[in-house]
Amino acid sequence: MTAACEHGCCTSAALASDRRAVLKRRVRRLVAATISYNVIEAVVAITAGLDASSAALIGFGLDSVVEVASAGALAWQFSGADPEARERTTLKVIAFSFFALAAYVIAGSAGSLLGPETAHPSTTGIVLAALSLLVMPGLSGAQRRAGRELGSASAVADAKQTLLCTYLSGILLAGLLLNRLLGWSWADPVAALVIAAVAVKEGREAWRGDHCC
């Protein structure tokens, strides 16, 4: 027997209360792990980005800040006695976070493409992007499964935020490697613009609550 939530999720109408409690605890643990990793990722990426004048690295670091804000909103939601009542507010916070990221990255990328300063190669950025490609898929997948079973659009939206970091890690890695190996400094701000475009798409989906299924 299934019932559809307002966001189109399919979840068991008879999901036992003890199972719901287990899933909620799992979401909280995954959120804590996501916040911890992304705080470190943000510090390293922004520091390395400023050192290398890399719009892509700075944008990646700011995406990590957005992920922390998103995960923090989800932690607030699931800290209450009735997480479902906080669902829409959490989704709005996640959406605004995406839009703010996109606006900043677009401005920074335009300045890099049109300005005289070019991005320098960053070994630290390459290592960080490769590490995120390994870490983020596992965190995202576990949270997405728990969120879908709970029927929580916000948990799934935050999981997609984490999965987005995987895609952005690949984009970032490609841009940094092109700069390092071929000297294509323009690849860095172009990679940042791709990051911004994906962030806008995810923000729109979060705003509409389309993340559940």
N, C-alpha and C. Protein backbone atom coordinates (compact mmCIF):
# COMPACT_ATOMS: atom_id res chain seq x y z
N MET A 1 0.86 -1.19 0.00
CA MET A 1 0.00 0.00 0.00
C MET A 1 0.90 1.23 0.00
N THR A 2 0.73 2.10 -0.96
CA THR A 2 1.57 3.28 -1.04
C THR A 2 0.73 4.52 -1.07
N ALA A 3 1.35 5.62 -0.68
CA ALA A 3 0.68 6.92 -0.73
C ALA A 3 1.65 7.93 -1.29
N ALA A 4 1.17 8.85 -2.10
CA ALA A 4 2.04 9.85 -2.72
C ALA A 4 2.09 11.09 -1.85
N CYS A 5 3.28 11.60 -1.61
CA CYS A 5 3.41 12.84 -0.85
C CYS A 5 3.15 14.01 -1.79
N GLU A 6 3.11 15.23 -1.27
CA GLU A 6 2.78 16.39 -2.09
C GLU A 6 3.83 16.66 -3.15
N HIS A 7 5.03 16.09 -3.01
CA HIS A 7 6.09 16.31 -3.99
C HIS A 7 6.19 15.15 -4.97
N GLY A 8 5.27 14.19 -4.88
CA GLY A 8 5.30 13.07 -5.80
C GLY A 8 6.09 11.89 -5.31
N CYS A 9 6.51 11.89 -4.03
CA CYS A 9 7.27 10.77 -3.51
C CYS A 9 6.36 9.58 -3.29
N CYS A 10 6.89 8.40 -3.44
CA CYS A 10 6.13 7.21 -3.12
C CYS A 10 6.73 6.59 -1.88
N THR A 11 5.98 6.53 -0.83
CA THR A 11 6.47 5.98 0.42
C THR A 11 5.39 5.13 1.05
N SER A 12 5.77 4.17 1.83
CA SER A 12 4.80 3.28 2.44
C SER A 12 3.92 4.03 3.41
N ALA A 13 2.59 3.85 3.27
CA ALA A 13 1.65 4.51 4.17
C ALA A 13 1.70 3.88 5.55
N ALA A 14 2.20 2.65 5.61
CA ALA A 14 2.23 1.93 6.88
C ALA A 14 3.65 1.80 7.42
N LEU A 15 4.52 2.73 7.07
CA LEU A 15 5.90 2.69 7.54
C LEU A 15 5.91 2.75 9.06
N ALA A 16 6.48 1.73 9.68
CA ALA A 16 6.44 1.62 11.14
C ALA A 16 7.18 2.77 11.80
N SER A 17 6.69 3.17 12.96
CA SER A 17 7.28 4.31 13.66
C SER A 17 8.73 4.06 14.03
N ASP A 18 9.06 2.80 14.38
CA ASP A 18 10.46 2.52 14.74
C ASP A 18 11.36 2.60 13.51
N ARG A 19 10.83 2.20 12.34
CA ARG A 19 11.60 2.32 11.12
C ARG A 19 11.81 3.78 10.75
N ARG A 20 10.77 4.60 10.93
CA ARG A 20 10.90 6.03 10.66
C ARG A 20 11.96 6.64 11.58
N ALA A 21 11.98 6.21 12.83
CA ALA A 21 12.97 6.73 13.78
C ALA A 21 14.39 6.36 13.34
N VAL A 22 14.56 5.12 12.87
CA VAL A 22 15.86 4.67 12.39
C VAL A 22 16.32 5.52 11.20
N LEU A 23 15.40 5.75 10.26
CA LEU A 23 15.73 6.52 9.07
C LEU A 23 16.06 7.97 9.41
N LYS A 24 15.33 8.54 10.34
CA LYS A 24 15.60 9.92 10.74
C LYS A 24 16.98 10.04 11.39
N ARG A 25 17.34 9.06 12.22
CA ARG A 25 18.67 9.07 12.84
C ARG A 25 19.75 8.92 11.77
N ARG A 26 19.48 8.07 10.78
CA ARG A 26 20.44 7.87 9.69
C ARG A 26 20.65 9.17 8.92
N VAL A 27 19.55 9.86 8.61
CA VAL A 27 19.65 11.14 7.90
C VAL A 27 20.49 12.12 8.71
N ARG A 28 20.25 12.19 10.03
CA ARG A 28 21.01 13.13 10.87
C ARG A 28 22.50 12.80 10.87
N ARG A 29 22.84 11.50 10.92
CA ARG A 29 24.26 11.12 10.90
C ARG A 29 24.91 11.46 9.56
N LEU A 30 24.18 11.20 8.48
CA LEU A 30 24.72 11.51 7.15
C LEU A 30 24.88 13.02 6.96
N VAL A 31 23.94 13.78 7.49
CA VAL A 31 24.04 15.24 7.42
C VAL A 31 25.27 15.71 8.19
N ALA A 32 25.52 15.14 9.36
CA ALA A 32 26.69 15.53 10.15
C ALA A 32 27.98 15.23 9.40
N ALA A 33 28.03 14.06 8.74
CA ALA A 33 29.22 13.70 7.97
C ALA A 33 29.41 14.64 6.79
N THR A 34 28.31 14.99 6.14
CA THR A 34 28.38 15.90 4.99
C THR A 34 28.88 17.27 5.41
N ILE A 35 28.37 17.77 6.52
CA ILE A 35 28.80 19.09 7.01
C ILE A 35 30.29 19.07 7.33
N SER A 36 30.73 18.03 8.03
CA SER A 36 32.14 17.95 8.43
C SER A 36 33.07 17.94 7.23
N TYR A 37 32.74 17.11 6.23
CA TYR A 37 33.60 17.03 5.05
C TYR A 37 33.59 18.34 4.28
N ASN A 38 32.42 18.94 4.14
CA ASN A 38 32.32 20.14 3.32
C ASN A 38 32.95 21.37 3.96
N VAL A 39 33.00 21.42 5.28
CA VAL A 39 33.70 22.51 5.94
C VAL A 39 35.19 22.46 5.57
N ILE A 40 35.76 21.25 5.65
CA ILE A 40 37.17 21.08 5.28
C ILE A 40 37.37 21.38 3.80
N GLU A 41 36.46 20.86 2.96
CA GLU A 41 36.56 21.06 1.52
C GLU A 41 36.50 22.54 1.16
N ALA A 42 35.60 23.27 1.83
CA ALA A 42 35.44 24.70 1.53
C ALA A 42 36.71 25.48 1.86
N VAL A 43 37.27 25.21 3.02
CA VAL A 43 38.48 25.92 3.45
C VAL A 43 39.63 25.66 2.48
N VAL A 44 39.83 24.39 2.13
CA VAL A 44 40.94 24.03 1.24
C VAL A 44 40.73 24.63 -0.15
N ALA A 45 39.51 24.49 -0.69
CA ALA A 45 39.24 24.94 -2.06
C ALA A 45 39.33 26.46 -2.18
N ILE A 46 38.75 27.18 -1.24
CA ILE A 46 38.78 28.64 -1.34
C ILE A 46 40.20 29.17 -1.15
N THR A 47 40.93 28.59 -0.20
CA THR A 47 42.31 29.00 0.02
C THR A 47 43.17 28.75 -1.22
N ALA A 48 43.03 27.53 -1.78
CA ALA A 48 43.79 27.20 -2.99
C ALA A 48 43.33 28.04 -4.18
N GLY A 49 42.03 28.33 -4.25
CA GLY A 49 41.50 29.13 -5.34
C GLY A 49 42.02 30.56 -5.32
N LEU A 50 42.05 31.15 -4.14
CA LEU A 50 42.58 32.51 -4.02
C LEU A 50 44.06 32.55 -4.37
N ASP A 51 44.79 31.52 -3.96
CA ASP A 51 46.22 31.47 -4.24
C ASP A 51 46.49 31.32 -5.75
N ALA A 52 45.61 30.57 -6.44
CA ALA A 52 45.81 30.32 -7.87
C ALA A 52 44.98 31.24 -8.76
N SER A 53 44.22 32.17 -8.16
CA SER A 53 43.30 33.04 -8.92
C SER A 53 42.34 32.20 -9.77
N SER A 54 41.85 31.10 -9.17
CA SER A 54 41.01 30.14 -9.88
C SER A 54 39.54 30.35 -9.54
N ALA A 55 38.77 30.84 -10.53
CA ALA A 55 37.33 31.03 -10.32
C ALA A 55 36.64 29.69 -10.09
N ALA A 56 37.10 28.64 -10.77
CA ALA A 56 36.48 27.33 -10.62
C ALA A 56 36.71 26.78 -9.22
N LEU A 57 37.91 26.91 -8.71
CA LEU A 57 38.20 26.41 -7.36
C LEU A 57 37.44 27.21 -6.30
N ILE A 58 37.39 28.52 -6.46
CA ILE A 58 36.64 29.35 -5.50
C ILE A 58 35.16 28.99 -5.57
N GLY A 59 34.63 28.81 -6.80
CA GLY A 59 33.24 28.42 -6.95
C GLY A 59 32.96 27.06 -6.33
N PHE A 60 33.90 26.14 -6.48
CA PHE A 60 33.75 24.82 -5.87
C PHE A 60 33.74 24.93 -4.36
N GLY A 61 34.62 25.78 -3.83
CA GLY A 61 34.64 25.98 -2.38
C GLY A 61 33.36 26.61 -1.88
N LEU A 62 32.82 27.56 -2.64
CA LEU A 62 31.56 28.19 -2.25
C LEU A 62 30.40 27.19 -2.36
N ASP A 63 30.48 26.27 -3.32
CA ASP A 63 29.48 25.21 -3.37
C ASP A 63 29.51 24.38 -2.10
N SER A 64 30.70 24.17 -1.57
CA SER A 64 30.81 23.44 -0.30
C SER A 64 30.16 24.22 0.83
N VAL A 65 30.31 25.56 0.81
CA VAL A 65 29.63 26.39 1.81
C VAL A 65 28.12 26.26 1.67
N VAL A 66 27.64 26.24 0.42
CA VAL A 66 26.22 26.07 0.16
C VAL A 66 25.75 24.71 0.67
N GLU A 67 26.56 23.68 0.46
CA GLU A 67 26.20 22.36 0.95
C GLU A 67 26.11 22.34 2.47
N VAL A 68 26.99 23.07 3.13
CA VAL A 68 26.92 23.15 4.59
C VAL A 68 25.62 23.84 5.02
N ALA A 69 25.26 24.92 4.32
CA ALA A 69 24.02 25.62 4.63
C ALA A 69 22.81 24.72 4.39
N SER A 70 22.84 23.98 3.27
CA SER A 70 21.76 23.07 2.94
C SER A 70 21.64 21.96 3.98
N ALA A 71 22.78 21.36 4.32
CA ALA A 71 22.77 20.29 5.32
C ALA A 71 22.36 20.82 6.69
N GLY A 72 22.77 22.06 6.99
CA GLY A 72 22.37 22.66 8.25
C GLY A 72 20.87 22.87 8.33
N ALA A 73 20.28 23.28 7.20
CA ALA A 73 18.82 23.45 7.16
C ALA A 73 18.13 22.11 7.35
N LEU A 74 18.70 21.06 6.74
CA LEU A 74 18.10 19.73 6.90
C LEU A 74 18.25 19.24 8.33
N ALA A 75 19.40 19.52 8.95
CA ALA A 75 19.60 19.15 10.35
C ALA A 75 18.57 19.84 11.24
N TRP A 76 18.31 21.13 10.95
CA TRP A 76 17.27 21.86 11.70
C TRP A 76 15.91 21.21 11.51
N GLN A 77 15.61 20.82 10.28
CA GLN A 77 14.31 20.19 10.02
C GLN A 77 14.14 18.91 10.84
N PHE A 78 15.15 18.05 10.82
CA PHE A 78 15.02 16.75 11.48
C PHE A 78 15.33 16.80 12.97
N SER A 79 15.66 17.98 13.48
CA SER A 79 15.83 18.12 14.93
C SER A 79 14.49 18.35 15.62
N GLY A 80 13.45 18.70 14.85
CA GLY A 80 12.14 18.97 15.42
C GLY A 80 11.32 17.71 15.59
N ALA A 81 10.26 17.82 16.36
CA ALA A 81 9.39 16.67 16.60
C ALA A 81 8.59 16.30 15.36
N ASP A 82 8.35 17.28 14.47
CA ASP A 82 7.57 17.06 13.26
C ASP A 82 8.34 17.59 12.06
N PRO A 83 9.32 16.80 11.54
CA PRO A 83 10.15 17.28 10.42
C PRO A 83 9.34 17.66 9.19
N GLU A 84 8.22 16.96 8.97
CA GLU A 84 7.42 17.23 7.77
C GLU A 84 6.89 18.66 7.76
N ALA A 85 6.63 19.22 8.95
CA ALA A 85 6.10 20.58 9.02
C ALA A 85 7.14 21.61 8.59
N ARG A 86 8.42 21.25 8.63
CA ARG A 86 9.50 22.17 8.26
C ARG A 86 10.01 21.93 6.84
N GLU A 87 9.36 21.03 6.12
CA GLU A 87 9.84 20.60 4.80
C GLU A 87 9.98 21.76 3.82
N ARG A 88 8.91 22.54 3.65
CA ARG A 88 8.92 23.61 2.64
C ARG A 88 9.96 24.68 2.96
N THR A 89 10.09 25.04 4.24
CA THR A 89 11.08 26.04 4.62
C THR A 89 12.49 25.56 4.28
N THR A 90 12.75 24.30 4.57
CA THR A 90 14.07 23.74 4.27
C THR A 90 14.36 23.76 2.78
N LEU A 91 13.36 23.41 1.97
CA LEU A 91 13.55 23.43 0.51
C LEU A 91 13.84 24.83 0.01
N LYS A 92 13.17 25.85 0.59
CA LYS A 92 13.41 27.23 0.17
C LYS A 92 14.86 27.65 0.49
N VAL A 93 15.34 27.25 1.67
CA VAL A 93 16.71 27.58 2.06
C VAL A 93 17.69 26.94 1.08
N ILE A 94 17.46 25.68 0.73
CA ILE A 94 18.33 24.99 -0.21
C ILE A 94 18.33 25.68 -1.57
N ALA A 95 17.13 26.07 -2.03
CA ALA A 95 17.01 26.74 -3.33
C ALA A 95 17.76 28.07 -3.34
N PHE A 96 17.56 28.90 -2.31
CA PHE A 96 18.25 30.18 -2.23
C PHE A 96 19.77 30.00 -2.20
N SER A 97 20.21 28.95 -1.53
CA SER A 97 21.65 28.67 -1.46
C SER A 97 22.22 28.41 -2.85
N PHE A 98 21.50 27.62 -3.64
CA PHE A 98 21.94 27.35 -5.02
C PHE A 98 22.01 28.64 -5.84
N PHE A 99 20.97 29.47 -5.74
CA PHE A 99 20.92 30.69 -6.54
C PHE A 99 22.04 31.66 -6.15
N ALA A 100 22.32 31.76 -4.86
CA ALA A 100 23.39 32.65 -4.40
C ALA A 100 24.74 32.17 -4.94
N LEU A 101 24.94 30.85 -4.91
CA LEU A 101 26.18 30.29 -5.46
C LEU A 101 26.32 30.62 -6.94
N ALA A 102 25.25 30.41 -7.70
CA ALA A 102 25.30 30.65 -9.14
C ALA A 102 25.63 32.11 -9.45
N ALA A 103 25.00 33.04 -8.73
CA ALA A 103 25.23 34.46 -8.98
C ALA A 103 26.70 34.83 -8.74
N TYR A 104 27.26 34.33 -7.63
CA TYR A 104 28.65 34.66 -7.31
C TYR A 104 29.60 34.06 -8.35
N VAL A 105 29.37 32.81 -8.71
CA VAL A 105 30.28 32.14 -9.64
C VAL A 105 30.23 32.78 -11.03
N ILE A 106 29.03 33.16 -11.47
CA ILE A 106 28.91 33.81 -12.78
C ILE A 106 29.70 35.12 -12.80
N ALA A 107 29.55 35.91 -11.74
CA ALA A 107 30.27 37.18 -11.66
C ALA A 107 31.78 36.96 -11.66
N GLY A 108 32.24 35.98 -10.86
CA GLY A 108 33.67 35.70 -10.80
C GLY A 108 34.22 35.17 -12.10
N SER A 109 33.45 34.31 -12.77
CA SER A 109 33.90 33.74 -14.04
C SER A 109 33.99 34.80 -15.13
N ALA A 110 32.99 35.69 -15.17
CA ALA A 110 33.02 36.76 -16.16
C ALA A 110 34.24 37.65 -15.96
N GLY A 111 34.55 37.94 -14.69
CA GLY A 111 35.72 38.75 -14.41
C GLY A 111 37.00 38.06 -14.85
N SER A 112 37.05 36.72 -14.66
CA SER A 112 38.25 35.98 -15.05
C SER A 112 38.41 35.92 -16.56
N LEU A 113 37.29 35.75 -17.28
CA LEU A 113 37.35 35.66 -18.74
C LEU A 113 37.68 36.99 -19.39
N LEU A 114 37.16 38.07 -18.81
CA LEU A 114 37.32 39.40 -19.41
C LEU A 114 38.49 40.19 -18.84
N GLY A 115 38.95 39.79 -17.66
CA GLY A 115 40.01 40.54 -17.00
C GLY A 115 41.40 40.09 -17.43
N PRO A 116 42.41 40.81 -16.98
CA PRO A 116 43.78 40.50 -17.38
C PRO A 116 44.40 39.32 -16.62
N GLU A 117 43.84 39.01 -15.43
CA GLU A 117 44.45 37.97 -14.60
C GLU A 117 43.98 36.60 -15.03
N THR A 118 44.91 35.64 -15.14
CA THR A 118 44.57 34.27 -15.52
C THR A 118 44.79 33.32 -14.36
N ALA A 119 44.07 32.19 -14.41
CA ALA A 119 44.19 31.19 -13.35
C ALA A 119 45.50 30.43 -13.47
N HIS A 120 46.14 30.17 -12.33
CA HIS A 120 47.37 29.39 -12.30
C HIS A 120 47.06 27.93 -11.99
N PRO A 121 47.90 27.01 -12.43
CA PRO A 121 47.69 25.59 -12.10
C PRO A 121 47.69 25.38 -10.59
N SER A 122 46.86 24.42 -10.11
CA SER A 122 46.76 24.16 -8.68
C SER A 122 46.77 22.66 -8.41
N THR A 123 47.89 22.18 -7.90
CA THR A 123 48.00 20.76 -7.54
C THR A 123 47.04 20.42 -6.40
N THR A 124 46.94 21.33 -5.43
CA THR A 124 46.02 21.12 -4.31
C THR A 124 44.59 20.95 -4.80
N GLY A 125 44.18 21.79 -5.74
CA GLY A 125 42.84 21.70 -6.30
C GLY A 125 42.59 20.38 -7.01
N ILE A 126 43.58 19.90 -7.75
CA ILE A 126 43.45 18.63 -8.46
C ILE A 126 43.24 17.48 -7.48
N VAL A 127 44.04 17.46 -6.41
CA VAL A 127 43.92 16.40 -5.40
C VAL A 127 42.56 16.47 -4.71
N LEU A 128 42.12 17.68 -4.37
CA LEU A 128 40.84 17.85 -3.69
C LEU A 128 39.68 17.39 -4.58
N ALA A 129 39.71 17.76 -5.85
CA ALA A 129 38.64 17.36 -6.77
C ALA A 129 38.58 15.84 -6.91
N ALA A 130 39.75 15.20 -7.01
CA ALA A 130 39.80 13.75 -7.14
C ALA A 130 39.27 13.07 -5.89
N LEU A 131 39.61 13.60 -4.71
CA LEU A 131 39.13 13.03 -3.45
C LEU A 131 37.61 13.14 -3.34
N SER A 132 37.07 14.28 -3.73
CA SER A 132 35.62 14.48 -3.66
C SER A 132 34.88 13.54 -4.60
N LEU A 133 35.49 13.22 -5.73
CA LEU A 133 34.90 12.26 -6.66
C LEU A 133 34.74 10.89 -6.01
N LEU A 134 35.59 10.58 -5.04
CA LEU A 134 35.52 9.29 -4.36
C LEU A 134 34.56 9.32 -3.16
N VAL A 135 34.52 10.44 -2.44
CA VAL A 135 33.77 10.51 -1.18
C VAL A 135 32.28 10.79 -1.38
N MET A 136 31.95 11.73 -2.25
CA MET A 136 30.59 12.25 -2.33
C MET A 136 29.52 11.26 -2.83
N PRO A 137 29.81 10.40 -3.80
CA PRO A 137 28.76 9.49 -4.26
C PRO A 137 28.19 8.60 -3.15
N GLY A 138 29.05 8.11 -2.26
CA GLY A 138 28.58 7.25 -1.17
C GLY A 138 27.67 7.99 -0.21
N LEU A 139 28.05 9.21 0.18
CA LEU A 139 27.22 10.00 1.09
C LEU A 139 25.88 10.32 0.44
N SER A 140 25.91 10.72 -0.82
CA SER A 140 24.69 11.09 -1.51
C SER A 140 23.74 9.91 -1.65
N GLY A 141 24.28 8.76 -2.06
CA GLY A 141 23.44 7.59 -2.28
C GLY A 141 22.75 7.12 -1.01
N ALA A 142 23.49 7.10 0.09
CA ALA A 142 22.90 6.66 1.36
C ALA A 142 21.80 7.59 1.82
N GLN A 143 22.01 8.89 1.69
CA GLN A 143 20.99 9.85 2.12
C GLN A 143 19.78 9.83 1.20
N ARG A 144 20.03 9.67 -0.10
CA ARG A 144 18.91 9.63 -1.05
C ARG A 144 17.99 8.45 -0.77
N ARG A 145 18.58 7.29 -0.47
CA ARG A 145 17.77 6.11 -0.18
C ARG A 145 16.94 6.31 1.08
N ALA A 146 17.56 6.87 2.12
CA ALA A 146 16.83 7.12 3.35
C ALA A 146 15.72 8.14 3.14
N GLY A 147 16.03 9.20 2.38
CA GLY A 147 15.05 10.25 2.13
C GLY A 147 13.85 9.74 1.34
N ARG A 148 14.11 8.90 0.35
CA ARG A 148 13.01 8.36 -0.45
C ARG A 148 12.12 7.44 0.39
N GLU A 149 12.73 6.62 1.23
CA GLU A 149 11.92 5.73 2.07
C GLU A 149 11.08 6.53 3.05
N LEU A 150 11.64 7.63 3.54
CA LEU A 150 10.88 8.50 4.45
C LEU A 150 9.82 9.32 3.71
N GLY A 151 10.00 9.51 2.41
CA GLY A 151 9.12 10.39 1.66
C GLY A 151 9.44 11.85 1.89
N SER A 152 10.74 12.15 2.14
CA SER A 152 11.17 13.52 2.44
C SER A 152 11.83 14.16 1.24
N ALA A 153 11.15 15.14 0.64
CA ALA A 153 11.71 15.84 -0.52
C ALA A 153 12.96 16.61 -0.13
N SER A 154 13.00 17.17 1.07
CA SER A 154 14.17 17.96 1.48
C SER A 154 15.40 17.08 1.66
N ALA A 155 15.22 15.88 2.22
CA ALA A 155 16.35 14.97 2.38
C ALA A 155 16.90 14.55 1.03
N VAL A 156 16.00 14.31 0.07
CA VAL A 156 16.44 13.94 -1.28
C VAL A 156 17.09 15.13 -1.97
N ALA A 157 16.55 16.34 -1.75
CA ALA A 157 17.14 17.54 -2.34
C ALA A 157 18.55 17.75 -1.82
N ASP A 158 18.75 17.55 -0.53
CA ASP A 158 20.09 17.71 0.03
C ASP A 158 21.02 16.62 -0.50
N ALA A 159 20.49 15.41 -0.70
CA ALA A 159 21.30 14.34 -1.28
C ALA A 159 21.73 14.69 -2.70
N LYS A 160 20.82 15.33 -3.46
CA LYS A 160 21.17 15.76 -4.81
C LYS A 160 22.18 16.90 -4.75
N GLN A 161 22.12 17.71 -3.72
CA GLN A 161 23.13 18.75 -3.52
C GLN A 161 24.50 18.09 -3.36
N THR A 162 24.54 17.01 -2.58
CA THR A 162 25.80 16.29 -2.38
C THR A 162 26.25 15.61 -3.67
N LEU A 163 25.29 15.04 -4.41
CA LEU A 163 25.64 14.42 -5.69
C LEU A 163 26.14 15.46 -6.67
N LEU A 164 25.57 16.65 -6.61
CA LEU A 164 26.03 17.75 -7.46
C LEU A 164 27.53 17.99 -7.24
N CYS A 165 27.96 17.86 -6.01
CA CYS A 165 29.38 18.05 -5.70
C CYS A 165 30.24 17.05 -6.47
N THR A 166 29.71 15.84 -6.68
CA THR A 166 30.44 14.84 -7.46
C THR A 166 30.62 15.31 -8.90
N TYR A 167 29.51 15.78 -9.50
CA TYR A 167 29.59 16.28 -10.87
C TYR A 167 30.54 17.48 -10.96
N LEU A 168 30.42 18.38 -9.99
CA LEU A 168 31.26 19.56 -10.01
C LEU A 168 32.72 19.20 -9.81
N SER A 169 32.96 18.15 -9.02
CA SER A 169 34.34 17.69 -8.84
C SER A 169 34.94 17.25 -10.16
N GLY A 170 34.13 16.53 -10.97
CA GLY A 170 34.61 16.10 -12.28
C GLY A 170 34.86 17.28 -13.21
N ILE A 171 33.93 18.26 -13.20
CA ILE A 171 34.10 19.46 -14.03
C ILE A 171 35.34 20.23 -13.59
N LEU A 172 35.47 20.40 -12.27
CA LEU A 172 36.62 21.11 -11.73
C LEU A 172 37.92 20.41 -12.10
N LEU A 173 37.95 19.09 -11.93
CA LEU A 173 39.15 18.32 -12.22
C LEU A 173 39.55 18.47 -13.69
N ALA A 174 38.55 18.43 -14.57
CA ALA A 174 38.85 18.59 -16.00
C ALA A 174 39.44 19.97 -16.29
N GLY A 175 38.83 21.01 -15.71
CA GLY A 175 39.34 22.36 -15.93
C GLY A 175 40.74 22.56 -15.39
N LEU A 176 40.99 22.04 -14.20
CA LEU A 176 42.32 22.20 -13.60
C LEU A 176 43.38 21.41 -14.35
N LEU A 177 43.03 20.20 -14.83
CA LEU A 177 43.99 19.40 -15.58
C LEU A 177 44.31 20.04 -16.93
N LEU A 178 43.29 20.61 -17.58
CA LEU A 178 43.54 21.29 -18.86
C LEU A 178 44.48 22.48 -18.66
N ASN A 179 44.30 23.16 -17.56
CA ASN A 179 45.18 24.29 -17.25
C ASN A 179 46.59 23.81 -16.94
N ARG A 180 46.68 22.73 -16.15
CA ARG A 180 47.98 22.20 -15.75
C ARG A 180 48.74 21.60 -16.93
N LEU A 181 48.06 20.77 -17.74
CA LEU A 181 48.75 20.00 -18.78
C LEU A 181 48.90 20.75 -20.09
N LEU A 182 47.89 21.59 -20.42
CA LEU A 182 47.90 22.25 -21.72
C LEU A 182 48.04 23.76 -21.64
N GLY A 183 48.00 24.28 -20.42
CA GLY A 183 48.11 25.72 -20.26
C GLY A 183 46.87 26.49 -20.67
N TRP A 184 45.72 25.81 -20.71
CA TRP A 184 44.47 26.46 -21.10
C TRP A 184 43.85 27.14 -19.89
N SER A 185 44.28 28.34 -19.57
CA SER A 185 43.77 29.03 -18.38
C SER A 185 42.30 29.37 -18.51
N TRP A 186 41.81 29.52 -19.76
CA TRP A 186 40.39 29.83 -19.96
C TRP A 186 39.48 28.68 -19.55
N ALA A 187 40.04 27.46 -19.47
CA ALA A 187 39.22 26.31 -19.09
C ALA A 187 38.72 26.44 -17.65
N ASP A 188 39.45 27.18 -16.82
CA ASP A 188 39.06 27.33 -15.42
C ASP A 188 37.75 28.12 -15.27
N PRO A 189 37.66 29.35 -15.81
CA PRO A 189 36.38 30.07 -15.68
C PRO A 189 35.24 29.42 -16.45
N VAL A 190 35.55 28.73 -17.55
CA VAL A 190 34.50 28.02 -18.28
C VAL A 190 33.93 26.89 -17.41
N ALA A 191 34.81 26.18 -16.73
CA ALA A 191 34.35 25.14 -15.81
C ALA A 191 33.48 25.75 -14.70
N ALA A 192 33.87 26.92 -14.23
CA ALA A 192 33.08 27.60 -13.20
C ALA A 192 31.69 27.96 -13.70
N LEU A 193 31.59 28.37 -14.98
CA LEU A 193 30.27 28.70 -15.54
C LEU A 193 29.38 27.47 -15.65
N VAL A 194 29.97 26.33 -15.93
CA VAL A 194 29.20 25.08 -15.95
C VAL A 194 28.68 24.78 -14.55
N ILE A 195 29.52 25.00 -13.54
CA ILE A 195 29.11 24.82 -12.15
C ILE A 195 27.90 25.71 -11.85
N ALA A 196 27.96 26.96 -12.30
CA ALA A 196 26.87 27.90 -12.05
C ALA A 196 25.58 27.45 -12.73
N ALA A 197 25.69 26.96 -13.96
CA ALA A 197 24.50 26.51 -14.68
C ALA A 197 23.82 25.34 -13.99
N VAL A 198 24.62 24.40 -13.52
CA VAL A 198 24.05 23.26 -12.80
C VAL A 198 23.41 23.72 -11.49
N ALA A 199 24.03 24.68 -10.82
CA ALA A 199 23.49 25.19 -9.56
C ALA A 199 22.12 25.84 -9.77
N VAL A 200 21.95 26.58 -10.87
CA VAL A 200 20.65 27.19 -11.18
C VAL A 200 19.59 26.12 -11.38
N LYS A 201 19.92 25.08 -12.13
CA LYS A 201 18.98 23.99 -12.38
C LYS A 201 18.55 23.34 -11.06
N GLU A 202 19.52 23.04 -10.21
CA GLU A 202 19.20 22.39 -8.94
C GLU A 202 18.40 23.31 -8.03
N GLY A 203 18.69 24.60 -8.07
CA GLY A 203 17.94 25.56 -7.27
C GLY A 203 16.48 25.62 -7.68
N ARG A 204 16.24 25.59 -8.97
CA ARG A 204 14.86 25.62 -9.47
C ARG A 204 14.10 24.37 -9.03
N GLU A 205 14.76 23.22 -9.09
CA GLU A 205 14.11 21.98 -8.67
C GLU A 205 13.81 21.99 -7.18
N ALA A 206 14.74 22.51 -6.39
CA ALA A 206 14.50 22.59 -4.95
C ALA A 206 13.34 23.52 -4.64
N TRP A 207 13.27 24.65 -5.35
CA TRP A 207 12.21 25.61 -5.13
C TRP A 207 10.83 25.00 -5.40
N ARG A 208 10.78 24.20 -6.46
CA ARG A 208 9.50 23.55 -6.82
C ARG A 208 9.23 22.30 -6.02
N GLY A 209 10.26 21.78 -5.32
CA GLY A 209 10.08 20.53 -4.57
C GLY A 209 10.03 19.33 -5.47
N ASP A 210 10.86 19.33 -6.53
CA ASP A 210 10.82 18.27 -7.51
C ASP A 210 11.83 17.15 -7.24
N HIS A 211 12.45 17.12 -6.08
CA HIS A 211 13.57 16.22 -5.87
C HIS A 211 13.20 14.82 -5.40
N CYS A 212 11.95 14.57 -5.12
CA CYS A 212 11.67 13.36 -4.35
C CYS A 212 11.87 12.07 -5.13
N CYS A 213 11.25 11.94 -6.26
CA CYS A 213 11.34 10.66 -6.97
C CYS A 213 12.31 10.77 -8.12
